[in-house]
């Protein structure tokens, strides 16, 4: 009888422990769910509130470039990259020398290669030719959204959260910082203020080129920034696989499917002697091998588009107007045989 009573007491204790454990789990799950709902609600309430001058500028760029793309009714060249091509390639020069319509669709590398290609889809048509002078960081990209993309999507392109894959969208939503949330709430409660932008969209010409990067108008701060530039840490070691390479490969495949030709080239950047060393040369070779495997022609060599700091405006990827003229003449010379082949095949 005693043993039986002890047995029931033991069973009761185990049942109580299990019930307590289940209750604990339910409480934790409920708390996490409630927190997620509150956080997502706060984020959603901030959609469309522009507090970043940078994202405002990017949005103006896309508005201008989308309008230019719609106005061109014949096959065109489309430059797709971050700001290295915005501040480095002149579609106006290319058009004047080749008579081929050209759109400089380059915007901001901080958006990430995944988003840059997403927007490029709406800017190109069958029979167009896309030129990829991609910044070196894109080849090693892990596709994790940075602050530039998070701010831009939340402020100007929330529809992207629906079209992007679930994991990417979640990373964007959870990528908004508490400081940014507080900033947006403050902005919403107070009267709107003028948002200062680092660059001006009024400097974009009818081809989508930046025209405000004048050598003669560089500030002391910009010159100081150029003086302090160091070699690009992304330029090192042979890369075989990365999320960035896969994203580029997917975009090229999409272009092939839609009768869009792709030509790769190298971004304009500052020359450093270290780029002659084996590690750096291995990196360049990996990019050459990547495009060769995909049967995508690549124009020139990395060194063709590396220049002295005096040719730059305010960063390692932003040429000034003198540098732009030099870079474009080199690019046009390399590009013309491909354009002539296109003309002869029509």
Protein backbone atom coordinates (compact mmCIF):
# COMPACT_ATOMS: atom_id res chain seq x y z
CA UNK A 1 0.00 0.00 0.00
CA UNK A 2 2.86 2.30 0.89
CA UNK A 3 4.63 1.53 -2.38
CA UNK A 4 1.46 2.24 -4.32
CA UNK A 5 1.04 5.63 -2.65
CA UNK A 6 4.65 6.56 -3.39
CA UNK A 7 4.18 5.53 -6.99
CA UNK A 8 1.16 7.84 -7.39
CA UNK A 9 3.03 10.70 -5.73
CA UNK A 10 5.96 10.21 -8.13
CA UNK A 11 3.66 10.12 -11.17
CA UNK A 12 1.89 13.28 -9.96
CA UNK A 13 5.20 15.10 -9.58
CA UNK A 14 6.25 14.11 -13.11
CA UNK A 15 2.92 15.26 -14.56
CA UNK A 16 3.22 18.56 -12.66
CA UNK A 17 6.76 19.06 -13.97
CA UNK A 18 5.65 18.39 -17.53
CA UNK A 19 2.71 20.78 -17.17
CA UNK A 20 5.02 23.45 -15.73
CA UNK A 21 7.50 22.92 -18.56
CA UNK A 22 4.75 23.13 -21.20
CA UNK A 23 3.37 26.26 -19.59
CA UNK A 24 6.86 27.78 -19.56
CA UNK A 25 7.32 26.98 -23.26
CA UNK A 26 3.92 28.44 -24.11
CA UNK A 27 4.76 31.63 -22.23
CA UNK A 28 8.09 31.98 -24.03
CA UNK A 29 6.47 31.27 -27.41
CA UNK A 30 3.67 33.75 -26.72
CA UNK A 31 6.13 36.44 -25.61
CA UNK A 32 8.30 35.96 -28.71
CA UNK A 33 5.26 36.02 -31.00
CA UNK A 34 3.93 39.15 -29.32
CA UNK A 35 7.33 40.85 -29.61
CA UNK A 36 7.61 39.92 -33.31
CA UNK A 37 4.11 41.28 -34.00
CA UNK A 38 4.91 44.54 -32.18
CA UNK A 39 8.27 44.92 -33.95
CA UNK A 40 6.88 44.18 -37.41
CA UNK A 41 3.96 46.54 -36.77
CA UNK A 42 6.34 49.34 -35.78
CA UNK A 43 8.43 48.70 -38.90
CA UNK A 44 5.37 48.65 -41.16
CA UNK A 45 4.15 51.94 -39.70
CA UNK A 46 7.41 53.52 -40.85
CA UNK A 47 7.13 52.51 -44.48
CA UNK A 48 7.32 55.57 -46.68
CA UNK A 49 8.79 57.92 -44.06
CA UNK A 50 11.89 59.44 -45.71
CA UNK A 51 14.57 60.29 -43.16
CA UNK A 52 17.64 59.35 -45.19
CA UNK A 53 18.99 61.85 -47.71
CA UNK A 54 20.92 59.02 -49.33
CA UNK A 55 17.83 56.88 -49.95
CA UNK A 56 15.96 59.92 -51.25
CA UNK A 57 18.76 60.52 -53.76
CA UNK A 58 18.75 56.86 -54.83
CA UNK A 59 14.99 56.99 -55.36
CA UNK A 60 15.32 60.10 -57.51
CA UNK A 61 18.00 58.31 -59.55
CA UNK A 62 15.72 55.35 -60.23
CA UNK A 63 12.82 57.65 -61.14
CA UNK A 64 14.99 59.51 -63.66
CA UNK A 65 16.56 56.39 -65.12
CA UNK A 66 13.24 54.55 -65.43
CA UNK A 67 11.90 57.51 -67.40
CA UNK A 68 14.96 57.48 -69.69
CA UNK A 69 14.62 53.72 -70.27
CA UNK A 70 10.95 54.09 -71.28
CA UNK A 71 11.81 56.87 -73.74
CA UNK A 72 14.27 54.72 -75.72
CA UNK A 73 12.38 52.63 -78.26
CA UNK A 74 15.33 50.96 -80.02
CA UNK A 75 17.97 48.47 -78.74
CA UNK A 76 20.27 50.22 -76.29
CA UNK A 77 23.32 49.83 -74.12
CA UNK A 78 22.52 49.70 -70.40
CA UNK A 79 25.25 50.17 -67.78
CA UNK A 80 24.43 48.19 -64.62
CA UNK A 81 26.47 48.59 -61.43
CA UNK A 82 26.85 50.69 -58.32
CA UNK A 83 28.12 54.26 -58.29
CA UNK A 84 31.50 53.43 -59.86
CA UNK A 85 29.82 53.60 -63.28
CA UNK A 86 27.53 56.46 -62.26
CA UNK A 87 30.67 58.51 -61.56
CA UNK A 88 32.86 56.75 -64.11
CA UNK A 89 31.03 55.99 -67.35
CA UNK A 90 29.51 58.58 -69.65
CA UNK A 91 26.67 57.24 -71.78
CA UNK A 92 26.58 60.66 -73.40
CA UNK A 93 30.14 60.13 -74.71
CA UNK A 94 29.37 56.58 -75.79
CA UNK A 95 26.28 57.71 -77.71
CA UNK A 96 28.07 60.60 -79.42
CA UNK A 97 30.91 58.36 -80.64
CA UNK A 98 28.94 55.21 -81.51
CA UNK A 99 25.42 56.57 -82.24
CA UNK A 100 24.06 53.72 -80.09
CA UNK A 101 21.41 54.72 -77.50
CA UNK A 102 22.87 54.36 -74.01
CA UNK A 103 21.41 54.44 -70.50
CA UNK A 104 23.63 54.76 -67.44
CA UNK A 105 21.50 52.74 -65.00
CA UNK A 106 24.18 52.68 -62.28
CA UNK A 107 23.08 53.80 -58.80
CA UNK A 108 24.61 52.81 -55.44
CA UNK A 109 26.74 49.75 -54.65
CA UNK A 110 25.41 49.73 -51.07
CA UNK A 111 22.07 48.45 -52.36
CA UNK A 112 23.77 45.12 -53.02
CA UNK A 113 24.04 43.21 -56.26
CA UNK A 114 20.79 41.31 -55.65
CA UNK A 115 18.71 44.49 -55.55
CA UNK A 116 20.66 46.24 -58.32
CA UNK A 117 19.85 43.36 -60.67
CA UNK A 118 16.23 43.29 -59.45
CA UNK A 119 15.79 46.88 -60.60
CA UNK A 120 17.75 46.29 -63.80
CA UNK A 121 15.06 43.83 -64.95
CA UNK A 122 12.66 46.72 -65.52
CA UNK A 123 15.23 48.87 -67.34
CA UNK A 124 16.27 46.47 -70.11
CA UNK A 125 14.41 44.96 -73.06
CA UNK A 126 15.07 42.12 -75.53
CA UNK A 127 17.93 42.98 -77.95
CA UNK A 128 19.50 45.40 -75.45
CA UNK A 129 23.13 44.99 -74.39
CA UNK A 130 23.99 45.13 -70.70
CA UNK A 131 27.48 46.20 -69.63
CA UNK A 132 28.61 45.06 -66.18
CA UNK A 133 31.49 47.11 -64.67
CA UNK A 134 30.68 45.70 -61.22
CA UNK A 135 32.50 46.85 -58.10
CA UNK A 136 34.86 44.21 -56.72
CA UNK A 137 32.92 43.73 -53.46
CA UNK A 138 29.94 42.33 -55.40
CA UNK A 139 31.93 39.26 -56.45
CA UNK A 140 32.42 38.30 -52.80
CA UNK A 141 28.98 39.41 -51.61
CA UNK A 142 27.08 37.32 -49.04
CA UNK A 143 23.82 39.06 -50.07
CA UNK A 144 23.08 40.11 -46.49
CA UNK A 145 21.18 43.44 -46.67
CA UNK A 146 23.19 46.46 -45.53
CA UNK A 147 21.92 49.73 -44.09
CA UNK A 148 21.61 51.36 -47.52
CA UNK A 149 19.25 48.65 -48.81
CA UNK A 150 17.26 48.43 -45.55
CA UNK A 151 16.67 52.19 -45.49
CA UNK A 152 15.81 52.38 -49.18
CA UNK A 153 13.34 49.47 -49.23
CA UNK A 154 11.53 50.59 -46.06
CA UNK A 155 11.36 54.21 -47.21
CA UNK A 156 10.77 53.87 -50.95
CA UNK A 157 10.25 50.32 -52.20
CA UNK A 158 8.29 48.19 -49.69
CA UNK A 159 6.87 46.12 -52.57
CA UNK A 160 10.29 44.53 -52.85
CA UNK A 161 9.59 42.71 -49.57
CA UNK A 162 6.85 40.78 -51.37
CA UNK A 163 8.83 39.95 -54.51
CA UNK A 164 12.07 38.98 -52.72
CA UNK A 165 12.57 35.54 -51.20
CA UNK A 166 11.30 35.14 -47.62
CA UNK A 167 14.72 34.94 -45.95
CA UNK A 168 15.92 38.10 -47.71
CA UNK A 169 12.75 40.00 -46.77
CA UNK A 170 13.03 38.94 -43.13
CA UNK A 171 16.64 40.12 -43.05
CA UNK A 172 15.58 43.50 -44.40
CA UNK A 173 12.76 43.91 -41.86
CA UNK A 174 14.92 42.84 -38.93
CA UNK A 175 17.82 44.91 -40.24
CA UNK A 176 16.26 48.22 -39.28
CA UNK A 177 17.97 49.52 -36.15
CA UNK A 178 16.23 50.81 -33.03
CA UNK A 179 17.94 54.16 -33.60
CA UNK A 180 16.39 54.34 -37.06
CA UNK A 181 12.97 53.40 -35.64
CA UNK A 182 13.26 56.17 -33.06
CA UNK A 183 14.39 58.60 -35.75
CA UNK A 184 11.40 57.80 -37.94
CA UNK A 185 8.93 58.08 -35.05
CA UNK A 186 10.41 61.47 -34.15
CA UNK A 187 10.24 62.54 -37.78
CA UNK A 188 6.59 61.48 -38.00
CA UNK A 189 5.60 63.38 -34.85
CA UNK A 190 7.41 66.57 -35.79
CA UNK A 191 6.78 68.83 -38.76
CA UNK A 192 8.64 67.67 -41.92
CA UNK A 193 12.10 69.10 -42.40
CA UNK A 194 14.31 69.50 -45.43
CA UNK A 195 16.43 66.38 -45.93
CA UNK A 196 19.98 67.07 -47.02
CA UNK A 197 21.35 64.74 -49.69
CA UNK A 198 25.04 63.91 -50.24
CA UNK A 199 24.59 64.27 -54.02
CA UNK A 200 22.06 66.06 -56.20
CA UNK A 201 19.82 64.33 -58.74
CA UNK A 202 19.72 67.59 -60.72
CA UNK A 203 23.25 66.68 -61.85
CA UNK A 204 21.97 63.63 -63.76
CA UNK A 205 21.83 64.26 -67.51
CA UNK A 206 19.50 62.83 -70.17
CA UNK A 207 21.66 59.69 -70.41
CA UNK A 208 21.65 58.96 -66.67
CA UNK A 209 25.24 60.17 -66.12
CA UNK A 210 26.45 62.13 -63.10
CA UNK A 211 27.75 65.54 -64.19
CA UNK A 212 28.54 67.22 -60.86
CA UNK A 213 31.85 65.42 -60.28
CA UNK A 214 34.03 68.27 -61.50
CA UNK A 215 37.75 68.14 -60.73
CA UNK A 216 37.80 71.93 -60.32
CA UNK A 217 35.13 71.86 -57.61
CA UNK A 218 36.53 69.25 -55.25
CA UNK A 219 36.51 70.37 -51.63
CA UNK A 220 39.39 70.13 -49.17
CA UNK A 221 37.53 67.31 -47.42
CA UNK A 222 37.16 65.35 -50.65
CA UNK A 223 40.85 65.78 -51.45
CA UNK A 224 41.72 64.65 -47.94
CA UNK A 225 39.53 61.54 -48.35
CA UNK A 226 41.37 60.67 -51.56
CA UNK A 227 44.76 61.10 -49.91
CA UNK A 228 43.80 58.65 -47.15
CA UNK A 229 42.59 55.89 -49.50
CA UNK A 230 44.09 52.41 -49.01
CA UNK A 231 44.07 49.36 -51.32
CA UNK A 232 40.72 47.63 -51.66
CA UNK A 233 40.67 44.66 -49.26
CA UNK A 234 38.20 42.83 -51.51
CA UNK A 235 40.93 42.45 -54.13
CA UNK A 236 42.67 39.34 -52.79
CA UNK A 237 42.63 35.59 -53.38
CA UNK A 238 41.01 33.42 -56.02
CA UNK A 239 37.26 33.04 -55.45
CA UNK A 240 35.50 29.89 -56.61
CA UNK A 241 32.05 30.34 -55.07
CA UNK A 242 30.06 33.05 -53.33
CA UNK A 243 26.49 34.28 -53.13
CA UNK A 244 27.57 37.24 -55.23
CA UNK A 245 28.90 35.06 -58.04
CA UNK A 246 25.69 33.01 -58.02
CA UNK A 247 23.57 36.17 -58.17
CA UNK A 248 25.58 37.46 -61.14
CA UNK A 249 25.28 34.06 -62.82
CA UNK A 250 21.49 34.07 -62.32
CA UNK A 251 21.20 37.54 -63.85
CA UNK A 252 23.25 36.56 -66.89
CA UNK A 253 21.06 33.47 -67.32
CA UNK A 254 17.96 35.69 -67.18
CA UNK A 255 19.49 37.97 -69.81
CA UNK A 256 20.26 35.03 -72.09
CA UNK A 257 16.68 33.78 -71.77
CA UNK A 258 15.33 37.22 -72.68
CA UNK A 259 17.63 37.82 -75.69
CA UNK A 260 19.74 40.41 -73.85
CA UNK A 261 23.47 40.42 -74.53
CA UNK A 262 25.87 40.79 -71.60
CA UNK A 263 29.37 42.26 -71.74
CA UNK A 264 31.52 42.51 -68.62
CA UNK A 265 34.29 44.97 -67.89
CA UNK A 266 36.29 46.22 -64.92
CA UNK A 267 35.33 49.04 -62.57
CA UNK A 268 37.32 52.26 -62.45
CA UNK A 269 39.30 52.44 -59.22
CA UNK A 270 42.52 53.79 -57.72
CA UNK A 271 45.81 52.12 -58.65
CA UNK A 272 48.01 50.67 -55.90
CA UNK A 273 51.27 48.77 -56.51
CA UNK A 274 50.04 45.92 -54.29
CA UNK A 275 47.63 44.94 -57.09
CA UNK A 276 50.61 43.51 -58.99
CA UNK A 277 51.17 40.86 -56.30
CA UNK A 278 50.10 37.24 -56.69
CA UNK A 279 47.13 37.30 -54.29
CA UNK A 280 45.59 40.22 -56.11
CA UNK A 281 46.33 38.78 -59.55
CA UNK A 282 44.67 35.53 -58.45
CA UNK A 283 41.53 37.48 -57.61
CA UNK A 284 41.45 39.14 -61.03
CA UNK A 285 42.02 35.77 -62.69
CA UNK A 286 39.06 34.27 -60.83
CA UNK A 287 36.78 36.95 -62.30
CA UNK A 288 38.16 36.31 -65.80
CA UNK A 289 37.59 32.58 -65.38
CA UNK A 290 34.07 33.17 -64.06
CA UNK A 291 32.98 35.15 -67.13
CA UNK A 292 34.82 32.84 -69.52
CA UNK A 293 32.90 29.87 -68.13
CA UNK A 294 29.64 31.75 -68.77
CA UNK A 295 30.81 32.75 -72.27
CA UNK A 296 30.55 36.45 -71.39
CA UNK A 297 33.20 38.67 -73.02
CA UNK A 298 35.14 40.89 -70.63
CA UNK A 299 36.62 44.12 -71.97
CA UNK A 300 40.22 45.02 -71.17
CA UNK A 301 42.14 44.21 -68.01
CA UNK A 302 41.78 45.49 -64.41
CA UNK A 303 44.84 47.68 -64.85
CA UNK A 304 43.27 49.42 -67.89
CA UNK A 305 40.82 51.14 -65.57
CA UNK A 306 43.00 51.87 -62.54
CA UNK A 307 44.14 55.46 -62.25
CA UNK A 308 46.09 57.87 -60.10
CA UNK A 309 44.19 59.51 -57.23
CA UNK A 310 44.26 62.82 -59.10
CA UNK A 311 41.67 61.36 -61.52
CA UNK A 312 39.12 60.80 -58.73
CA UNK A 313 36.41 62.96 -57.21
CA UNK A 314 35.68 61.81 -53.66
CA UNK A 315 36.13 58.02 -53.29
CA UNK A 316 38.03 55.03 -54.69
CA UNK A 317 35.26 54.41 -57.24
CA UNK A 318 34.22 57.97 -58.15
CA UNK A 319 36.16 59.53 -61.02
CA UNK A 320 36.13 63.26 -61.63
CA UNK A 321 35.24 64.68 -65.05
CA UNK A 322 38.87 64.46 -66.28
CA UNK A 323 39.07 60.81 -65.25
CA UNK A 324 35.68 60.09 -66.84
CA UNK A 325 36.88 61.31 -70.25
CA UNK A 326 40.00 59.13 -70.08
CA UNK A 327 38.13 56.06 -68.86
CA UNK A 328 35.41 56.38 -71.49
CA UNK A 329 37.74 56.70 -74.45
CA UNK A 330 39.42 53.47 -73.34
CA UNK A 331 36.03 51.77 -72.89
CA UNK A 332 34.69 52.94 -76.26
CA UNK A 333 37.79 51.64 -78.08
CA UNK A 334 37.24 48.22 -76.50
CA UNK A 335 33.48 48.27 -77.02
CA UNK A 336 33.28 49.35 -80.66
CA UNK A 337 34.12 45.92 -82.22
CA UNK A 338 31.13 44.41 -80.39
CA UNK A 339 28.86 47.22 -81.54
CA UNK A 340 30.09 46.85 -85.13
CA UNK A 341 29.32 43.13 -84.98
CA UNK A 342 25.81 43.94 -83.82
CA UNK A 343 25.31 46.43 -86.65
CA UNK A 344 26.55 44.01 -89.32
CA UNK A 345 24.24 41.26 -88.07
CA UNK A 346 21.09 43.43 -88.42
